[in-house]
Amino acid sequence: LGEVMAPRSRWHAAAISGFFRLVAHVPPLRDYFLQMKFKPKPR
């Protein structure tokens, strides 16, 4: 998440924002991030 919150360069920041804009149009990926499914499950 630090790679997203604190991008190393303006190119890196643009790549991250572009990825998330793309994800918004793919429901399974959108929900993966929207519902915090990326957080490791307690296991």
PDB file of all heavy atoms in Angstrom:
ATOM      1  N   LEU A   1       0.824  -1.201   0.000  1.00  0.00           N
ATOM      2  CA  LEU A   1       0.000   0.000   0.000  1.00  0.00           C
ATOM      3  C   LEU A   1       0.862   1.256   0.000  1.00  0.00           C
ATOM      4  O   LEU A   1       0.473   2.292  -0.546  1.00  0.00           O
ATOM      5  CB  LEU A   1      -0.934  -0.002   1.215  1.00  0.00           C
ATOM      6  CG  LEU A   1      -2.095  -1.003   1.164  1.00  0.00           C
ATOM      7  CD1 LEU A   1      -2.886  -0.962   2.463  1.00  0.00           C
ATOM      8  CD2 LEU A   1      -3.018  -0.694  -0.019  1.00  0.00           C
ATOM      9  N   GLY A   2       2.041   1.157   0.626  1.00  0.00           N
ATOM     10  CA  GLY A   2       2.953   2.288   0.599  1.00  0.00           C
ATOM     11  C   GLY A   2       3.391   2.643  -0.808  1.00  0.00           C
ATOM     12  O   GLY A   2       3.632   3.822  -1.124  1.00  0.00           O
ATOM     13  N   GLU A   3       3.479   1.644  -1.693  1.00  0.00           N
ATOM     14  CA  GLU A   3       3.813   1.909  -3.088  1.00  0.00           C
ATOM     15  C   GLU A   3       2.720   2.737  -3.767  1.00  0.00           C
ATOM     16  O   GLU A   3       2.988   3.509  -4.684  1.00  0.00           O
ATOM     17  CB  GLU A   3       3.992   0.584  -3.840  1.00  0.00           C
ATOM     18  CG  GLU A   3       5.216  -0.211  -3.416  1.00  0.00           C
ATOM     19  CD  GLU A   3       6.498   0.471  -3.841  1.00  0.00           C
ATOM     20  OE1 GLU A   3       6.583   0.922  -4.996  1.00  0.00           O
ATOM     21  OE2 GLU A   3       7.423   0.575  -3.007  1.00  0.00           O
ATOM     22  N   VAL A   4       1.476   2.542  -3.315  1.00  0.00           N
ATOM     23  CA  VAL A   4       0.358   3.314  -3.871  1.00  0.00           C
ATOM     24  C   VAL A   4       0.298   4.698  -3.245  1.00  0.00           C
ATOM     25  O   VAL A   4       0.148   5.709  -3.941  1.00  0.00           O
ATOM     26  CB  VAL A   4      -0.972   2.562  -3.637  1.00  0.00           C
ATOM     27  CG1 VAL A   4      -2.154   3.397  -4.116  1.00  0.00           C
ATOM     28  CG2 VAL A   4      -0.958   1.216  -4.340  1.00  0.00           C
ATOM     29  N   MET A   5       0.417   4.748  -1.927  1.00  0.00           N
ATOM     30  CA  MET A   5       0.260   6.018  -1.221  1.00  0.00           C
ATOM     31  C   MET A   5       1.441   6.958  -1.442  1.00  0.00           C
ATOM     32  O   MET A   5       1.270   8.182  -1.426  1.00  0.00           O
ATOM     33  CB  MET A   5       0.086   5.761   0.282  1.00  0.00           C
ATOM     34  CG  MET A   5      -1.187   5.030   0.641  1.00  0.00           C
ATOM     35  SD  MET A   5      -1.312   4.831   2.440  1.00  0.00           S
ATOM     36  CE  MET A   5      -2.948   4.101   2.579  1.00  0.00           C
ATOM     37  N   ALA A   6       2.620   6.407  -1.601  1.00  0.00           N
ATOM     38  CA  ALA A   6       3.821   7.233  -1.743  1.00  0.00           C
ATOM     39  C   ALA A   6       4.589   6.808  -2.985  1.00  0.00           C
ATOM     40  O   ALA A   6       5.642   6.163  -2.898  1.00  0.00           O
ATOM     41  CB  ALA A   6       4.698   7.111  -0.501  1.00  0.00           C
ATOM     42  N   PRO A   7       4.082   7.132  -4.172  1.00  0.00           N
ATOM     43  CA  PRO A   7       4.754   6.718  -5.416  1.00  0.00           C
ATOM     44  C   PRO A   7       6.152   7.318  -5.512  1.00  0.00           C
ATOM     45  O   PRO A   7       6.412   8.422  -5.046  1.00  0.00           O
ATOM     46  CB  PRO A   7       3.827   7.247  -6.509  1.00  0.00           C
ATOM     47  CG  PRO A   7       3.026   8.339  -5.863  1.00  0.00           C
ATOM     48  CD  PRO A   7       2.872   7.951  -4.431  1.00  0.00           C
ATOM     49  N   ARG A   8       7.052   6.555  -6.148  1.00  0.00           N
ATOM     50  CA  ARG A   8       8.460   6.952  -6.213  1.00  0.00           C
ATOM     51  C   ARG A   8       8.711   8.066  -7.229  1.00  0.00           C
ATOM     52  O   ARG A   8       9.709   8.764  -7.152  1.00  0.00           O
ATOM     53  CB  ARG A   8       9.308   5.736  -6.568  1.00  0.00           C
ATOM     54  CG  ARG A   8       9.253   4.620  -5.541  1.00  0.00           C
ATOM     55  CD  ARG A   8      10.167   3.465  -5.934  1.00  0.00           C
ATOM     56  NE  ARG A   8       9.760   2.852  -7.185  1.00  0.00           N
ATOM     57  CZ  ARG A   8       8.865   1.876  -7.292  1.00  0.00           C
ATOM     58  NH1 ARG A   8       8.269   1.426  -6.206  1.00  0.00           N
ATOM     59  NH2 ARG A   8       8.547   1.355  -8.468  1.00  0.00           N
ATOM     60  N   SER A   9       7.820   8.211  -8.207  1.00  0.00           N
ATOM     61  CA  SER A   9       8.008   9.225  -9.241  1.00  0.00           C
ATOM     62  C   SER A   9       6.646   9.600  -9.812  1.00  0.00           C
ATOM     63  O   SER A   9       5.641   8.931  -9.563  1.00  0.00           O
ATOM     64  CB  SER A   9       8.906   8.680 -10.363  1.00  0.00           C
ATOM     65  OG  SER A   9       8.245   7.598 -11.029  1.00  0.00           O
ATOM     66  N   ARG A  10       6.621  10.659 -10.620  1.00  0.00           N
ATOM     67  CA  ARG A  10       5.356  11.066 -11.245  1.00  0.00           C
ATOM     68  C   ARG A  10       4.889  10.015 -12.257  1.00  0.00           C
ATOM     69  O   ARG A  10       3.687   9.789 -12.415  1.00  0.00           O
ATOM     70  CB  ARG A  10       5.525  12.427 -11.918  1.00  0.00           C
ATOM     71  CG  ARG A  10       5.865  13.531 -10.909  1.00  0.00           C
ATOM     72  CD  ARG A  10       5.705  14.927 -11.486  1.00  0.00           C
ATOM     73  NE  ARG A  10       6.065  15.933 -10.513  1.00  0.00           N
ATOM     74  CZ  ARG A  10       5.284  16.348  -9.513  1.00  0.00           C
ATOM     75  NH1 ARG A  10       4.084  15.818  -9.367  1.00  0.00           N
ATOM     76  NH2 ARG A  10       5.701  17.267  -8.675  1.00  0.00           N
ATOM     77  N   TRP A  11       5.844   9.351 -12.908  1.00  0.00           N
ATOM     78  CA  TRP A  11       5.467   8.271 -13.826  1.00  0.00           C
ATOM     79  C   TRP A  11       4.809   7.131 -13.050  1.00  0.00           C
ATOM     80  O   TRP A  11       3.799   6.566 -13.474  1.00  0.00           O
ATOM     81  CB  TRP A  11       6.705   7.765 -14.545  1.00  0.00           C
ATOM     82  CG  TRP A  11       6.385   6.640 -15.497  1.00  0.00           C
ATOM     83  CD1 TRP A  11       6.049   6.735 -16.807  1.00  0.00           C
ATOM     84  CD2 TRP A  11       6.361   5.240 -15.186  1.00  0.00           C
ATOM     85  NE1 TRP A  11       5.797   5.504 -17.345  1.00  0.00           N
ATOM     86  CE2 TRP A  11       5.981   4.551 -16.366  1.00  0.00           C
ATOM     87  CE3 TRP A  11       6.610   4.494 -14.034  1.00  0.00           C
ATOM     88  CZ2 TRP A  11       5.853   3.173 -16.423  1.00  0.00           C
ATOM     89  CZ3 TRP A  11       6.490   3.118 -14.086  1.00  0.00           C
ATOM     90  CH2 TRP A  11       6.114   2.471 -15.268  1.00  0.00           C
ATOM     91  N   HIS A  12       5.395   6.797 -11.894  1.00  0.00           N
ATOM     92  CA  HIS A  12       4.838   5.736 -11.043  1.00  0.00           C
ATOM     93  C   HIS A  12       3.438   6.125 -10.582  1.00  0.00           C
ATOM     94  O   HIS A  12       2.511   5.293 -10.592  1.00  0.00           O
ATOM     95  CB  HIS A  12       5.768   5.518  -9.840  1.00  0.00           C
ATOM     96  CG  HIS A  12       5.390   4.360  -8.987  1.00  0.00           C
ATOM     97  ND1 HIS A  12       5.774   4.253  -7.675  1.00  0.00           N
ATOM     98  CD2 HIS A  12       4.646   3.251  -9.253  1.00  0.00           C
ATOM     99  CE1 HIS A  12       5.294   3.131  -7.166  1.00  0.00           C
ATOM    100  NE2 HIS A  12       4.612   2.506  -8.107  1.00  0.00           N
ATOM    101  N   ALA A  13       3.244   7.391 -10.189  1.00  0.00           N
ATOM    102  CA  ALA A  13       1.929   7.859  -9.745  1.00  0.00           C
ATOM    103  C   ALA A  13       0.904   7.766 -10.870  1.00  0.00           C
ATOM    104  O   ALA A  13      -0.246   7.348 -10.658  1.00  0.00           O
ATOM    105  CB  ALA A  13       2.028   9.294  -9.231  1.00  0.00           C
ATOM    106  N   ALA A  14       1.305   8.138 -12.084  1.00  0.00           N
ATOM    107  CA  ALA A  14       0.387   8.069 -13.219  1.00  0.00           C
ATOM    108  C   ALA A  14       0.010   6.632 -13.536  1.00  0.00           C
ATOM    109  O   ALA A  14      -1.143   6.326 -13.866  1.00  0.00           O
ATOM    110  CB  ALA A  14       1.027   8.734 -14.439  1.00  0.00           C
ATOM    111  N   ALA A  15       0.966   5.718 -13.408  1.00  0.00           N
ATOM    112  CA  ALA A  15       0.677   4.306 -13.673  1.00  0.00           C
ATOM    113  C   ALA A  15      -0.318   3.753 -12.655  1.00  0.00           C
ATOM    114  O   ALA A  15      -1.236   2.992 -13.000  1.00  0.00           O
ATOM    115  CB  ALA A  15       1.975   3.503 -13.642  1.00  0.00           C
ATOM    116  N   ILE A  16      -0.167   4.150 -11.410  1.00  0.00           N
ATOM    117  CA  ILE A  16      -1.073   3.665 -10.361  1.00  0.00           C
ATOM    118  C   ILE A  16      -2.489   4.181 -10.594  1.00  0.00           C
ATOM    119  O   ILE A  16      -3.462   3.424 -10.541  1.00  0.00           O
ATOM    120  CB  ILE A  16      -0.556   4.090  -8.971  1.00  0.00           C
ATOM    121  CG1 ILE A  16       0.722   3.316  -8.629  1.00  0.00           C
ATOM    122  CG2 ILE A  16      -1.624   3.868  -7.898  1.00  0.00           C
ATOM    123  CD1 ILE A  16       1.430   3.832  -7.401  1.00  0.00           C
ATOM    124  N   SER A  17      -2.628   5.483 -10.851  1.00  0.00           N
ATOM    125  CA  SER A  17      -3.967   6.046 -11.057  1.00  0.00           C
ATOM    126  C   SER A  17      -4.610   5.456 -12.314  1.00  0.00           C
ATOM    127  O   SER A  17      -5.825   5.187 -12.346  1.00  0.00           O
ATOM    128  CB  SER A  17      -3.904   7.571 -11.139  1.00  0.00           C
ATOM    129  OG  SER A  17      -3.118   7.985 -12.245  1.00  0.00           O
ATOM    130  N   GLY A  18      -3.813   5.199 -13.344  1.00  0.00           N
ATOM    131  CA  GLY A  18      -4.348   4.583 -14.558  1.00  0.00           C
ATOM    132  C   GLY A  18      -4.842   3.176 -14.301  1.00  0.00           C
ATOM    133  O   GLY A  18      -5.897   2.766 -14.813  1.00  0.00           O
ATOM    134  N   PHE A  19      -4.101   2.433 -13.499  1.00  0.00           N
ATOM    135  CA  PHE A  19      -4.521   1.071 -13.152  1.00  0.00           C
ATOM    136  C   PHE A  19      -5.857   1.087 -12.428  1.00  0.00           C
ATOM    137  O   PHE A  19      -6.754   0.300 -12.738  1.00  0.00           O
ATOM    138  CB  PHE A  19      -3.450   0.411 -12.287  1.00  0.00           C
ATOM    139  CG  PHE A  19      -3.890  -0.898 -11.689  1.00  0.00           C
ATOM    140  CD1 PHE A  19      -3.933  -2.056 -12.451  1.00  0.00           C
ATOM    141  CD2 PHE A  19      -4.267  -0.969 -10.352  1.00  0.00           C
ATOM    142  CE1 PHE A  19      -4.344  -3.262 -11.896  1.00  0.00           C
ATOM    143  CE2 PHE A  19      -4.680  -2.169  -9.788  1.00  0.00           C
ATOM    144  CZ  PHE A  19      -4.714  -3.315 -10.561  1.00  0.00           C
ATOM    145  N   PHE A  20      -6.015   1.982 -11.452  1.00  0.00           N
ATOM    146  CA  PHE A  20      -7.265   2.016 -10.692  1.00  0.00           C
ATOM    147  C   PHE A  20      -8.439   2.483 -11.548  1.00  0.00           C
ATOM    148  O   PHE A  20      -9.564   2.026 -11.354  1.00  0.00           O
ATOM    149  CB  PHE A  20      -7.109   2.899  -9.448  1.00  0.00           C
ATOM    150  CG  PHE A  20      -6.518   2.173  -8.277  1.00  0.00           C
ATOM    151  CD1 PHE A  20      -5.155   2.197  -8.036  1.00  0.00           C
ATOM    152  CD2 PHE A  20      -7.329   1.450  -7.418  1.00  0.00           C
ATOM    153  CE1 PHE A  20      -4.608   1.520  -6.961  1.00  0.00           C
ATOM    154  CE2 PHE A  20      -6.797   0.764  -6.345  1.00  0.00           C
ATOM    155  CZ  PHE A  20      -5.425   0.800  -6.108  1.00  0.00           C
ATOM    156  N   ARG A  21      -8.189   3.361 -12.494  1.00  0.00           N
ATOM    157  CA  ARG A  21      -9.280   3.771 -13.390  1.00  0.00           C
ATOM    158  C   ARG A  21      -9.727   2.588 -14.245  1.00  0.00           C
ATOM    159  O   ARG A  21     -10.928   2.415 -14.509  1.00  0.00           O
ATOM    160  CB  ARG A  21      -8.825   4.936 -14.272  1.00  0.00           C
ATOM    161  CG  ARG A  21      -8.794   6.276 -13.543  1.00  0.00           C
ATOM    162  CD  ARG A  21      -8.728   7.435 -14.520  1.00  0.00           C
ATOM    163  NE  ARG A  21      -7.483   7.417 -15.289  1.00  0.00           N
ATOM    164  CZ  ARG A  21      -6.361   8.043 -14.910  1.00  0.00           C
ATOM    165  NH1 ARG A  21      -6.341   8.717 -13.771  1.00  0.00           N
ATOM    166  NH2 ARG A  21      -5.280   7.999 -15.648  1.00  0.00           N
ATOM    167  N   LEU A  22      -8.786   1.760 -14.659  1.00  0.00           N
ATOM    168  CA  LEU A  22      -9.122   0.565 -15.423  1.00  0.00           C
ATOM    169  C   LEU A  22      -9.900  -0.428 -14.566  1.00  0.00           C
ATOM    170  O   LEU A  22     -10.901  -1.009 -15.004  1.00  0.00           O
ATOM    171  CB  LEU A  22      -7.842  -0.085 -15.956  1.00  0.00           C
ATOM    172  CG  LEU A  22      -8.011  -1.416 -16.703  1.00  0.00           C
ATOM    173  CD1 LEU A  22      -8.841  -1.203 -17.976  1.00  0.00           C
ATOM    174  CD2 LEU A  22      -6.647  -2.004 -17.049  1.00  0.00           C
ATOM    175  N   VAL A  23      -9.458  -0.609 -13.339  1.00  0.00           N
ATOM    176  CA  VAL A  23     -10.101  -1.554 -12.417  1.00  0.00           C
ATOM    177  C   VAL A  23     -11.564  -1.196 -12.206  1.00  0.00           C
ATOM    178  O   VAL A  23     -12.422  -2.080 -12.052  1.00  0.00           O
ATOM    179  CB  VAL A  23      -9.341  -1.580 -11.079  1.00  0.00           C
ATOM    180  CG1 VAL A  23     -10.185  -2.176  -9.961  1.00  0.00           C
ATOM    181  CG2 VAL A  23      -8.040  -2.362 -11.223  1.00  0.00           C
ATOM    182  N   ALA A  24     -11.886   0.074 -12.207  1.00  0.00           N
ATOM    183  CA  ALA A  24     -13.266   0.509 -11.964  1.00  0.00           C
ATOM    184  C   ALA A  24     -14.239  -0.052 -12.986  1.00  0.00           C
ATOM    185  O   ALA A  24     -15.448  -0.130 -12.730  1.00  0.00           O
ATOM    186  CB  ALA A  24     -13.334   2.035 -11.967  1.00  0.00           C
ATOM    187  N   HIS A  25     -13.736  -0.488 -14.145  1.00  0.00           N
ATOM    188  CA  HIS A  25     -14.606  -1.017 -15.195  1.00  0.00           C
ATOM    189  C   HIS A  25     -14.616  -2.544 -15.233  1.00  0.00           C
ATOM    190  O   HIS A  25     -15.233  -3.131 -16.121  1.00  0.00           O
ATOM    191  CB  HIS A  25     -14.154  -0.476 -16.558  1.00  0.00           C
ATOM    192  CG  HIS A  25     -14.205   1.017 -16.654  1.00  0.00           C
ATOM    193  ND1 HIS A  25     -15.387   1.724 -16.745  1.00  0.00           N
ATOM    194  CD2 HIS A  25     -13.208   1.942 -16.636  1.00  0.00           C
ATOM    195  CE1 HIS A  25     -15.120   3.019 -16.805  1.00  0.00           C
ATOM    196  NE2 HIS A  25     -13.809   3.177 -16.740  1.00  0.00           N
ATOM    197  N   VAL A  26     -13.940  -3.165 -14.280  1.00  0.00           N
ATOM    198  CA  VAL A  26     -13.902  -4.630 -14.209  1.00  0.00           C
ATOM    199  C   VAL A  26     -14.485  -5.044 -12.866  1.00  0.00           C
ATOM    200  O   VAL A  26     -13.774  -5.011 -11.852  1.00  0.00           O
ATOM    201  CB  VAL A  26     -12.455  -5.155 -14.359  1.00  0.00           C
ATOM    202  CG1 VAL A  26     -12.448  -6.682 -14.380  1.00  0.00           C
ATOM    203  CG2 VAL A  26     -11.803  -4.572 -15.606  1.00  0.00           C
ATOM    204  N   PRO A  27     -15.778  -5.390 -12.816  1.00  0.00           N
ATOM    205  CA  PRO A  27     -16.460  -5.626 -11.529  1.00  0.00           C
ATOM    206  C   PRO A  27     -15.729  -6.543 -10.560  1.00  0.00           C
ATOM    207  O   PRO A  27     -15.608  -6.191  -9.375  1.00  0.00           O
ATOM    208  CB  PRO A  27     -17.817  -6.189 -11.958  1.00  0.00           C
ATOM    209  CG  PRO A  27     -18.060  -5.558 -13.288  1.00  0.00           C
ATOM    210  CD  PRO A  27     -16.715  -5.484 -13.946  1.00  0.00           C
ATOM    211  N   PRO A  28     -15.210  -7.709 -10.969  1.00  0.00           N
ATOM    212  CA  PRO A  28     -14.523  -8.548  -9.979  1.00  0.00           C
ATOM    213  C   PRO A  28     -13.314  -7.858  -9.344  1.00  0.00           C
ATOM    214  O   PRO A  28     -13.111  -7.944  -8.136  1.00  0.00           O
ATOM    215  CB  PRO A  28     -14.098  -9.784 -10.793  1.00  0.00           C
ATOM    216  CG  PRO A  28     -15.058  -9.830 -11.944  1.00  0.00           C
ATOM    217  CD  PRO A  28     -15.300  -8.392 -12.293  1.00  0.00           C
ATOM    218  N   LEU A  29     -12.514  -7.173 -10.184  1.00  0.00           N
ATOM    219  CA  LEU A  29     -11.367  -6.452  -9.638  1.00  0.00           C
ATOM    220  C   LEU A  29     -11.809  -5.261  -8.802  1.00  0.00           C
ATOM    221  O   LEU A  29     -11.241  -4.978  -7.742  1.00  0.00           O
ATOM    222  CB  LEU A  29     -10.459  -5.972 -10.773  1.00  0.00           C
ATOM    223  CG  LEU A  29      -9.499  -7.001 -11.363  1.00  0.00           C
ATOM    224  CD1 LEU A  29      -8.765  -6.403 -12.545  1.00  0.00           C
ATOM    225  CD2 LEU A  29      -8.515  -7.486 -10.304  1.00  0.00           C
ATOM    226  N   ARG A  30     -12.836  -4.557  -9.291  1.00  0.00           N
ATOM    227  CA  ARG A  30     -13.355  -3.410  -8.528  1.00  0.00           C
ATOM    228  C   ARG A  30     -13.781  -3.844  -7.135  1.00  0.00           C
ATOM    229  O   ARG A  30     -13.441  -3.205  -6.133  1.00  0.00           O
ATOM    230  CB  ARG A  30     -14.542  -2.806  -9.282  1.00  0.00           C
ATOM    231  CG  ARG A  30     -15.187  -1.610  -8.574  1.00  0.00           C
ATOM    232  CD  ARG A  30     -16.541  -1.321  -9.205  1.00  0.00           C
ATOM    233  NE  ARG A  30     -17.449  -2.463  -9.030  1.00  0.00           N
ATOM    234  CZ  ARG A  30     -18.453  -2.746  -9.850  1.00  0.00           C
ATOM    235  NH1 ARG A  30     -18.667  -2.020 -10.923  1.00  0.00           N
ATOM    236  NH2 ARG A  30     -19.224  -3.788  -9.608  1.00  0.00           N
ATOM    237  N   ASP A  31     -14.531  -4.949  -7.041  1.00  0.00           N
ATOM    238  CA  ASP A  31     -14.999  -5.408  -5.740  1.00  0.00           C
ATOM    239  C   ASP A  31     -13.858  -5.929  -4.883  1.00  0.00           C
ATOM    240  O   ASP A  31     -13.916  -5.862  -3.647  1.00  0.00           O
ATOM    241  CB  ASP A  31     -16.062  -6.499  -5.922  1.00  0.00           C
ATOM    242  CG  ASP A  31     -17.343  -5.959  -6.539  1.00  0.00           C
ATOM    243  OD1 ASP A  31     -17.528  -4.722  -6.503  1.00  0.00           O
ATOM    244  OD2 ASP A  31     -18.145  -6.750  -7.055  1.00  0.00           O
ATOM    245  N   TYR A  32     -12.830  -6.468  -5.506  1.00  0.00           N
ATOM    246  CA  TYR A  32     -11.667  -6.946  -4.764  1.00  0.00           C
ATOM    247  C   TYR A  32     -11.058  -5.805  -3.946  1.00  0.00           C
ATOM    248  O   TYR A  32     -10.707  -5.985  -2.773  1.00  0.00           O
ATOM    249  CB  TYR A  32     -10.643  -7.519  -5.736  1.00  0.00           C
ATOM    250  CG  TYR A  32      -9.340  -7.956  -5.111  1.00  0.00           C
ATOM    251  CD1 TYR A  32      -9.238  -9.184  -4.471  1.00  0.00           C
ATOM    252  CD2 TYR A  32      -8.205  -7.139  -5.168  1.00  0.00           C
ATOM    253  CE1 TYR A  32      -8.044  -9.596  -3.905  1.00  0.00           C
ATOM    254  CE2 TYR A  32      -7.011  -7.547  -4.610  1.00  0.00           C
ATOM    255  CZ  TYR A  32      -6.936  -8.773  -3.977  1.00  0.00           C
ATOM    256  OH  TYR A  32      -5.743  -9.159  -3.418  1.00  0.00           O
ATOM    257  N   PHE A  33     -10.951  -4.638  -4.569  1.00  0.00           N
ATOM    258  CA  PHE A  33     -10.402  -3.487  -3.858  1.00  0.00           C
ATOM    259  C   PHE A  33     -11.461  -2.791  -3.008  1.00  0.00           C
ATOM    260  O   PHE A  33     -11.189  -2.382  -1.877  1.00  0.00           O
ATOM    261  CB  PHE A  33      -9.781  -2.501  -4.852  1.00  0.00           C
ATOM    262  CG  PHE A  33      -8.524  -2.998  -5.484  1.00  0.00           C
ATOM    263  CD1 PHE A  33      -8.533  -3.527  -6.767  1.00  0.00           C
ATOM    264  CD2 PHE A  33      -7.334  -2.970  -4.789  1.00  0.00           C
ATOM    265  CE1 PHE A  33      -7.377  -4.006  -7.350  1.00  0.00           C
ATOM    266  CE2 PHE A  33      -6.156  -3.450  -5.365  1.00  0.00           C
ATOM    267  CZ  PHE A  33      -6.182  -3.973  -6.646  1.00  0.00           C
ATOM    268  N   LEU A  34     -12.668  -2.669  -3.536  1.00  0.00           N
ATOM    269  CA  LEU A  34     -13.712  -1.939  -2.827  1.00  0.00           C
ATOM    270  C   LEU A  34     -14.026  -2.581  -1.487  1.00  0.00           C
ATOM    271  O   LEU A  34     -14.245  -1.891  -0.480  1.00  0.00           O
ATOM    272  CB  LEU A  34     -14.979  -1.887  -3.693  1.00  0.00           C
ATOM    273  CG  LEU A  34     -16.069  -0.905  -3.266  1.00  0.00           C
ATOM    274  CD1 LEU A  34     -15.582   0.529  -3.392  1.00  0.00           C
ATOM    275  CD2 LEU A  34     -17.318  -1.106  -4.128  1.00  0.00           C
ATOM    276  N   GLN A  35     -14.060  -3.915  -1.447  1.00  0.00           N
ATOM    277  CA  GLN A  35     -14.418  -4.627  -0.224  1.00  0.00           C
ATOM    278  C   GLN A  35     -13.197  -5.069   0.595  1.00  0.00           C
ATOM    279  O   GLN A  35     -13.320  -5.876   1.505  1.00  0.00           O
ATOM    280  CB  GLN A  35     -15.274  -5.849  -0.577  1.00  0.00           C
ATOM    281  CG  GLN A  35     -16.598  -5.518  -1.228  1.00  0.00           C
ATOM    282  CD  GLN A  35     -17.469  -4.638  -0.336  1.00  0.00           C
ATOM    283  OE1 GLN A  35     -17.460  -4.770   0.883  1.00  0.00           O
ATOM    284  NE2 GLN A  35     -18.231  -3.748  -0.958  1.00  0.00           N
ATOM    285  N   MET A  36     -12.035  -4.551   0.270  1.00  0.00           N
ATOM    286  CA  MET A  36     -10.810  -4.849   1.011  1.00  0.00           C
ATOM    287  C   MET A  36     -10.491  -6.339   1.025  1.00  0.00           C
ATOM    288  O   MET A  36      -9.969  -6.869   2.008  1.00  0.00           O
ATOM    289  CB  MET A  36     -10.895  -4.322   2.455  1.00  0.00           C
ATOM    290  CG  MET A  36     -10.606  -2.849   2.609  1.00  0.00           C
ATOM    291  SD  MET A  36     -10.564  -2.349   4.346  1.00  0.00           S
ATOM    292  CE  MET A  36      -9.114  -3.214   4.933  1.00  0.00           C
ATOM    293  N   LYS A  37     -10.788  -7.017  -0.070  1.00  0.00           N
ATOM    294  CA  LYS A  37     -10.453  -8.436  -0.129  1.00  0.00           C
ATOM    295  C   LYS A  37      -8.952  -8.666  -0.243  1.00  0.00           C
ATOM    296  O   LYS A  37      -8.478  -9.796  -0.094  1.00  0.00           O
ATOM    297  CB  LYS A  37     -11.186  -9.082  -1.306  1.00  0.00           C
ATOM    298  CG  LYS A  37     -12.703  -9.099  -1.143  1.00  0.00           C
ATOM    299  CD  LYS A  37     -13.388  -9.734  -2.341  1.00  0.00           C
ATOM    300  CE  LYS A  37     -14.905  -9.737  -2.173  1.00  0.00           C
ATOM    301  NZ  LYS A  37     -15.587 -10.342  -3.355  1.00  0.00           N
ATOM    302  N   PHE A  38      -8.203  -7.605  -0.494  1.00  0.00           N
ATOM    303  CA  PHE A  38      -6.746  -7.716  -0.579  1.00  0.00           C
ATOM    304  C   PHE A  38      -6.116  -7.862   0.806  1.00  0.00           C
ATOM    305  O   PHE A  38      -4.953  -8.241   0.928  1.00  0.00           O
ATOM    306  CB  PHE A  38      -6.153  -6.486  -1.285  1.00  0.00           C
ATOM    307  CG  PHE A  38      -6.587  -5.175  -0.691  1.00  0.00           C
ATOM    308  CD1 PHE A  38      -5.958  -4.666   0.423  1.00  0.00           C
ATOM    309  CD2 PHE A  38      -7.634  -4.452  -1.249  1.00  0.00           C
ATOM    310  CE1 PHE A  38      -6.346  -3.458   0.983  1.00  0.00           C
ATOM    311  CE2 PHE A  38      -8.038  -3.235  -0.712  1.00  0.00           C
ATOM    312  CZ  PHE A  38      -7.390  -2.748   0.412  1.00  0.00           C
ATOM    313  N   LYS A  39      -6.862  -7.550   1.864  1.00  0.00           N
ATOM    314  CA  LYS A  39      -6.328  -7.697   3.215  1.00  0.00           C
ATOM    315  C   LYS A  39      -6.208  -9.189   3.537  1.00  0.00           C
ATOM    316  O   LYS A  39      -7.175  -9.931   3.390  1.00  0.00           O
ATOM    317  CB  LYS A  39      -7.245  -7.033   4.235  1.00  0.00           C
ATOM    318  CG  LYS A  39      -6.764  -7.170   5.677  1.00  0.00           C
ATOM    319  CD  LYS A  39      -7.780  -6.596   6.648  1.00  0.00           C
ATOM    320  CE  LYS A  39      -7.377  -6.856   8.089  1.00  0.00           C
ATOM    321  NZ  LYS A  39      -8.396  -6.399   9.055  1.00  0.00           N
ATOM    322  N   PRO A  40      -5.020  -9.664   3.955  1.00  0.00           N
ATOM    323  CA  PRO A  40      -4.869 -11.092   4.264  1.00  0.00           C
ATOM    324  C   PRO A  40      -5.895 -11.556   5.287  1.00  0.00           C
ATOM    325  O   PRO A  40      -6.069 -10.935   6.344  1.00  0.00           O
ATOM    326  CB  PRO A  40      -3.444 -11.177   4.831  1.00  0.00           C
ATOM    327  CG  PRO A  40      -2.735 -10.005   4.240  1.00  0.00           C
ATOM    328  CD  PRO A  40      -3.764  -8.914   4.138  1.00  0.00           C
ATOM    329  N   LYS A  41      -6.591 -12.636   4.969  1.00  0.00           N
ATOM    330  CA  LYS A  41      -7.594 -13.170   5.873  1.00  0.00           C
ATOM    331  C   LYS A  41      -6.912 -13.740   7.111  1.00  0.00           C
ATOM    332  O   LYS A  41      -5.825 -14.299   7.037  1.00  0.00           O
ATOM    333  CB  LYS A  41      -8.394 -14.273   5.182  1.00  0.00           C
ATOM    334  CG  LYS A  41      -9.176 -13.801   3.974  1.00  0.00           C
ATOM    335  CD  LYS A  41     -10.474 -13.124   4.369  1.00  0.00           C
ATOM    336  CE  LYS A  41     -11.524 -14.129   4.766  1.00  0.00           C
ATOM    337  NZ  LYS A  41     -12.820 -13.474   5.038  1.00  0.00           N
ATOM    338  N   PRO A  42      -7.565 -13.598   8.261  1.00  0.00           N
ATOM    339  CA  PRO A  42      -7.003 -14.238   9.461  1.00  0.00           C
ATOM    340  C   PRO A  42      -7.035 -15.752   9.296  1.00  0.00           C
ATOM    341  O   PRO A  42      -8.107 -16.360   9.270  1.00  0.00           O
ATOM    342  CB  PRO A  42      -7.934 -13.755  10.582  1.00  0.00           C
ATOM    343  CG  PRO A  42      -9.192 -13.301   9.908  1.00  0.00           C
ATOM    344  CD  PRO A  42      -8.796 -12.841   8.548  1.00  0.00           C
ATOM    345  N   ARG A  43      -5.852 -16.353   9.159  1.00  0.00           N
ATOM    346  CA  ARG A  43      -5.776 -17.787   8.887  1.00  0.00           C
ATOM    347  C   ARG A  43      -4.481 -18.346   9.469  1.00  0.00           C
ATOM    348  O   ARG A  43      -3.407 -17.785   9.244  1.00  0.00           O
ATOM    349  CB  ARG A  43      -5.814 -18.037   7.368  1.00  0.00           C
ATOM    350  CG  ARG A  43      -5.663 -19.512   6.956  1.00  0.00           C
ATOM    351  CD  ARG A  43      -6.937 -20.264   7.256  1.00  0.00           C
ATOM    352  NE  ARG A  43      -6.814 -21.704   7.017  1.00  0.00           N
ATOM    353  CZ  ARG A  43      -7.237 -22.309   5.898  1.00  0.00           C
ATOM    354  NH1 ARG A  43      -7.758 -21.581   4.911  1.00  0.00           N
ATOM    355  NH2 ARG A  43      -7.149 -23.597   5.788  1.00  0.00           N
TER     356      ARG A  43
END
